[in-house]
Amino acid sequence: MIEELAGQTVVLIGGSAGIGLETARRARAEGAEVILTGRNPERLRAAANDVGAQRTAAFDANDFRALGEFFDDLPGPVDHVLVTAGGPSYRPMLEMTADDIRDALSSHVVLDLEVARSARTKMRPDGSLVLMGGTGGRRIDHRLGIVSAATATLPPFTAALALELAPIRVNLIAAGFVDTPLSAALLGDQLDHRRDELRNTLPIGRVVGPQDVAALAVHLMVNGALTGATYDIDGGQQFI
């Protein structure tokens, strides 16, 4: 069996749980060395032991000085970077301050840009940067607040960044509901109801898990012809 990431190094920004951790597992199975970052040192240590990480760093990815120092301190080049840090803010817009709106609209784009800026000098030219977005925000719904507008910024941002960062490739994963600890934290006691609802309504007949997204992320790393594009993975959720 060919290990498609053999001899390569993958950095997971937000790699201590959920999609980031599952992608680390998948990358390791494909022969890669993995470097995990996260805010919680204890959870990061547990994740590193789980996957046999080469290296870890505990910091808040939105602390851009710490982010830059992390990449500067890496001992050697890396091949791929996945950014899963951050999450949506589901609040009515009229309850948000101007600063809240600015942050909600720009936080993902700014984080992704700072990761690209900090990582580019350490990345091999045939490497890739994989970003995370969503499909749920494409529908206009009063319950989503500013999320729909924030979601719409990511595909054109990804395409433009791919041109600036070339030959390093940049792609965006747009996920629907994924059964992760973040989803559990957002939904609380509504989690089981949401799972049942999706099992009964999604065309695929099951809930999308972090393993599904990890498989797509590794494919985007491996396939050298893919750049500047958005790849949906929601089990058909946006069509129901």
Protein backbone atom coordinates (compact mmCIF):
# COMPACT_ATOMS: atom_id res chain seq x y z
CA MET A 1 0.00 0.00 0.00
CA ILE A 2 1.41 3.40 -1.02
CA GLU A 3 1.54 6.02 1.74
CA GLU A 4 0.63 9.20 -0.11
CA LEU A 5 2.14 11.58 2.43
CA ALA A 6 5.28 9.58 3.19
CA GLY A 7 8.21 11.82 4.09
CA GLN A 8 5.99 14.91 4.38
CA THR A 9 5.09 17.10 7.36
CA VAL A 10 1.57 18.35 8.09
CA VAL A 11 0.80 21.20 10.51
CA LEU A 12 -2.65 21.25 12.12
CA ILE A 13 -3.64 24.69 13.46
CA GLY A 14 -6.35 23.65 15.89
CA GLY A 15 -5.28 20.03 15.92
CA SER A 16 -6.14 18.88 19.43
CA ALA A 17 -9.72 17.79 18.73
CA GLY A 18 -12.40 17.29 16.10
CA ILE A 19 -11.54 17.72 12.43
CA GLY A 20 -7.95 18.79 13.10
CA LEU A 21 -7.17 15.75 15.24
CA GLU A 22 -8.91 13.38 12.84
CA THR A 23 -6.92 14.85 9.94
CA ALA A 24 -3.74 14.27 11.94
CA ARG A 25 -4.72 10.61 12.32
CA ARG A 26 -5.42 10.32 8.60
CA ALA A 27 -2.17 12.05 7.67
CA ARG A 28 -0.20 9.74 9.98
CA ALA A 29 -1.86 6.73 8.35
CA GLU A 30 -0.60 8.09 5.02
CA GLY A 31 2.96 8.28 6.33
CA ALA A 32 3.21 11.96 7.35
CA GLU A 33 4.80 13.50 10.40
CA VAL A 34 2.31 15.80 12.14
CA ILE A 35 2.69 18.94 14.22
CA LEU A 36 -0.28 19.93 16.37
CA THR A 37 -1.21 23.31 17.80
CA GLY A 38 -4.05 24.24 20.15
CA ARG A 39 -4.94 26.47 23.06
CA ASN A 40 -5.38 23.81 25.76
CA PRO A 41 -2.02 22.26 26.77
CA GLU A 42 -3.54 19.18 28.44
CA ARG A 43 -5.82 18.36 25.52
CA LEU A 44 -2.92 18.99 23.15
CA ARG A 45 -0.68 16.54 25.01
CA ALA A 46 -3.39 13.88 24.91
CA ALA A 47 -3.90 14.42 21.17
CA ALA A 48 -0.15 14.25 20.53
CA ASN A 49 0.13 10.97 22.39
CA ASP A 50 -2.87 9.63 20.49
CA VAL A 51 -1.39 10.24 17.03
CA GLY A 52 2.34 10.20 17.77
CA ALA A 53 2.86 13.85 16.87
CA GLN A 54 6.37 15.01 16.04
CA ARG A 55 5.88 18.31 17.84
CA THR A 56 3.21 20.42 19.57
CA ALA A 57 2.76 24.09 20.46
CA ALA A 58 0.13 25.48 22.81
CA PHE A 59 -1.03 29.00 21.89
CA ASP A 60 -4.07 30.91 20.69
CA ALA A 61 -3.93 31.05 16.89
CA ASN A 62 -5.45 34.54 17.02
CA ASP A 63 -2.36 35.74 18.86
CA PHE A 64 -0.52 36.54 15.63
CA ARG A 65 2.79 37.19 17.33
CA ALA A 66 2.68 33.70 18.85
CA LEU A 67 1.57 32.30 15.51
CA GLY A 68 4.53 33.88 13.72
CA GLU A 69 6.98 32.69 16.39
CA PHE A 70 5.61 29.16 16.09
CA PHE A 71 6.41 28.98 12.38
CA ASP A 72 9.74 30.77 12.83
CA ASP A 73 10.78 28.19 15.44
CA LEU A 74 9.98 25.14 13.32
CA PRO A 75 13.26 23.27 12.73
CA GLY A 76 12.57 22.36 9.12
CA PRO A 77 10.25 22.86 6.16
CA VAL A 78 6.61 21.73 6.19
CA ASP A 79 4.47 20.51 3.32
CA HIS A 80 0.86 21.14 4.30
CA VAL A 81 -1.08 23.28 6.76
CA LEU A 82 -4.71 22.83 7.81
CA VAL A 83 -6.47 25.64 9.68
CA THR A 84 -9.48 24.56 11.76
CA ALA A 85 -9.23 27.09 14.58
CA GLY A 86 -12.16 29.42 15.18
CA GLY A 87 -15.93 29.03 15.02
CA PRO A 88 -19.11 30.85 13.97
CA SER A 89 -21.08 33.34 16.08
CA TYR A 90 -24.83 32.75 15.89
CA ARG A 91 -26.33 35.95 17.30
CA PRO A 92 -28.98 38.35 16.05
CA MET A 93 -27.21 41.20 14.24
CA LEU A 94 -29.12 43.90 16.09
CA GLU A 95 -27.73 42.54 19.37
CA MET A 96 -24.14 42.84 18.11
CA THR A 97 -21.92 45.87 18.51
CA ALA A 98 -20.00 47.36 15.59
CA ASP A 99 -16.86 45.65 16.87
CA ASP A 100 -18.74 42.33 17.07
CA ILE A 101 -19.79 42.70 13.43
CA ARG A 102 -16.28 43.57 12.27
CA ASP A 103 -14.86 40.56 14.12
CA ALA A 104 -17.52 38.15 12.83
CA LEU A 105 -17.03 39.28 9.23
CA SER A 106 -13.26 39.27 9.23
CA SER A 107 -11.96 36.90 11.90
CA HIS A 108 -11.67 33.80 9.70
CA VAL A 109 -10.18 35.70 6.77
CA VAL A 110 -7.67 37.52 8.97
CA LEU A 111 -6.62 34.31 10.74
CA ASP A 112 -6.21 32.44 7.45
CA LEU A 113 -4.21 35.32 5.99
CA GLU A 114 -1.90 35.47 9.00
CA VAL A 115 -1.33 31.71 8.84
CA ALA A 116 -0.45 32.04 5.14
CA ARG A 117 1.86 34.98 5.83
CA SER A 118 3.64 33.19 8.68
CA ALA A 119 3.82 29.77 7.03
CA ARG A 120 4.88 30.61 3.49
CA THR A 121 8.62 30.87 4.16
CA LYS A 122 8.62 27.45 5.85
CA MET A 123 6.48 25.66 3.24
CA ARG A 124 7.80 23.69 0.30
CA PRO A 125 6.65 25.09 -3.06
CA ASP A 126 4.56 22.02 -3.86
CA GLY A 127 2.78 22.22 -0.52
CA SER A 128 -0.77 23.23 0.33
CA LEU A 129 -2.82 25.34 2.71
CA VAL A 130 -6.28 23.96 3.53
CA LEU A 131 -8.87 26.29 5.06
CA MET A 132 -12.24 25.56 6.69
CA GLY A 133 -15.58 27.21 5.95
CA GLY A 134 -19.20 26.08 5.84
CA THR A 135 -22.26 25.50 3.69
CA GLY A 136 -24.98 26.21 6.25
CA GLY A 137 -24.47 29.96 6.07
CA ARG A 138 -25.37 30.04 2.37
CA ARG A 139 -29.01 30.09 3.34
CA ILE A 140 -30.35 33.40 4.60
CA ASP A 141 -31.98 32.75 7.95
CA HIS A 142 -32.67 35.15 10.81
CA ARG A 143 -31.21 32.58 13.22
CA LEU A 144 -27.82 32.77 11.50
CA GLY A 145 -27.28 36.50 11.96
CA ILE A 146 -24.07 37.65 10.29
CA VAL A 147 -22.87 34.10 9.55
CA SER A 148 -24.24 34.12 5.99
CA ALA A 149 -22.25 37.22 5.10
CA ALA A 150 -19.10 35.85 6.74
CA THR A 151 -19.49 32.54 4.88
CA ALA A 152 -19.73 34.32 1.52
CA THR A 153 -16.32 35.96 1.91
CA LEU A 154 -14.30 32.76 2.11
CA PRO A 155 -14.50 31.28 -1.45
CA PRO A 156 -13.30 34.44 -3.27
CA PHE A 157 -10.72 35.03 -0.54
CA THR A 158 -9.41 31.49 -1.03
CA ALA A 159 -9.17 31.92 -4.80
CA ALA A 160 -7.33 35.24 -4.50
CA LEU A 161 -4.96 33.87 -1.86
CA ALA A 162 -4.18 30.87 -4.08
CA LEU A 163 -2.95 33.25 -6.78
CA GLU A 164 -0.79 35.23 -4.36
CA LEU A 165 0.65 32.18 -2.61
CA ALA A 166 1.33 30.15 -5.78
CA PRO A 167 2.92 27.71 -6.35
CA ILE A 168 1.76 26.73 -2.86
CA ARG A 169 -1.84 25.61 -3.31
CA VAL A 170 -4.78 26.96 -1.29
CA ASN A 171 -8.20 25.28 -1.02
CA LEU A 172 -11.32 25.68 1.11
CA ILE A 173 -13.40 22.92 2.68
CA ALA A 174 -17.02 24.02 3.17
CA ALA A 175 -18.61 21.69 5.71
CA GLY A 176 -22.17 21.39 6.94
CA PHE A 177 -22.94 19.88 10.33
CA VAL A 178 -20.02 17.71 11.44
CA ASP A 179 -20.35 15.63 14.61
CA THR A 180 -17.47 17.12 16.61
CA PRO A 181 -16.93 18.47 20.14
CA LEU A 182 -17.49 21.99 18.74
CA SER A 183 -20.93 20.98 17.45
CA ALA A 184 -21.71 19.45 20.83
CA ALA A 185 -20.70 22.68 22.59
CA LEU A 186 -22.83 24.81 20.25
CA LEU A 187 -25.94 22.62 20.43
CA GLY A 188 -25.84 21.44 24.05
CA ASP A 189 -28.89 19.31 24.90
CA GLN A 190 -30.17 19.68 21.31
CA LEU A 191 -27.31 17.59 19.91
CA ASP A 192 -29.10 14.22 19.85
CA HIS A 193 -32.18 15.77 18.26
CA ARG A 194 -30.03 17.32 15.53
CA ARG A 195 -28.27 14.01 14.87
CA ASP A 196 -31.60 12.19 14.54
CA GLU A 197 -32.99 14.91 12.29
CA LEU A 198 -30.01 14.68 9.94
CA ARG A 199 -30.03 10.87 9.83
CA ASN A 200 -33.65 11.01 8.72
CA THR A 201 -33.29 13.80 6.16
CA LEU A 202 -29.81 13.78 4.62
CA PRO A 203 -29.52 12.06 1.23
CA ILE A 204 -26.59 10.00 2.58
CA GLY A 205 -28.71 8.69 5.47
CA ARG A 206 -26.15 9.42 8.17
CA VAL A 207 -24.40 12.25 9.97
CA VAL A 208 -21.14 13.60 8.55
CA GLY A 209 -18.24 12.88 10.89
CA PRO A 210 -14.74 14.32 11.27
CA GLN A 211 -13.34 11.26 9.48
CA ASP A 212 -15.21 12.31 6.33
CA VAL A 213 -13.72 15.80 6.42
CA ALA A 214 -10.26 14.45 7.23
CA ALA A 215 -10.37 12.24 4.14
CA LEU A 216 -11.16 15.28 1.98
CA ALA A 217 -8.45 17.38 3.64
CA VAL A 218 -5.78 14.77 2.96
CA HIS A 219 -6.97 14.43 -0.63
CA LEU A 220 -6.55 18.18 -1.12
CA MET A 221 -3.01 17.88 0.23
CA VAL A 222 -2.15 14.98 -2.05
CA ASN A 223 -3.72 16.11 -5.34
CA GLY A 224 -1.31 18.64 -6.80
CA ALA A 225 -3.77 19.90 -9.44
CA LEU A 226 -6.23 21.40 -6.95
CA THR A 227 -6.00 25.05 -5.95
CA GLY A 228 -8.19 28.10 -5.42
CA ALA A 229 -11.39 26.08 -5.11
CA THR A 230 -14.12 25.35 -2.56
CA TYR A 231 -15.13 21.76 -1.81
CA ASP A 232 -18.50 21.11 -0.16
CA ILE A 233 -18.89 18.25 2.31
CA ASP A 234 -22.27 18.25 4.03
CA GLY A 235 -24.00 15.03 3.00
CA GLY A 236 -26.45 17.06 0.89
CA GLN A 237 -27.58 19.20 3.83
CA GLN A 238 -27.80 22.39 1.76
CA PHE A 239 -30.33 20.77 -0.59
CA ILE A 240 -32.95 19.76 1.99
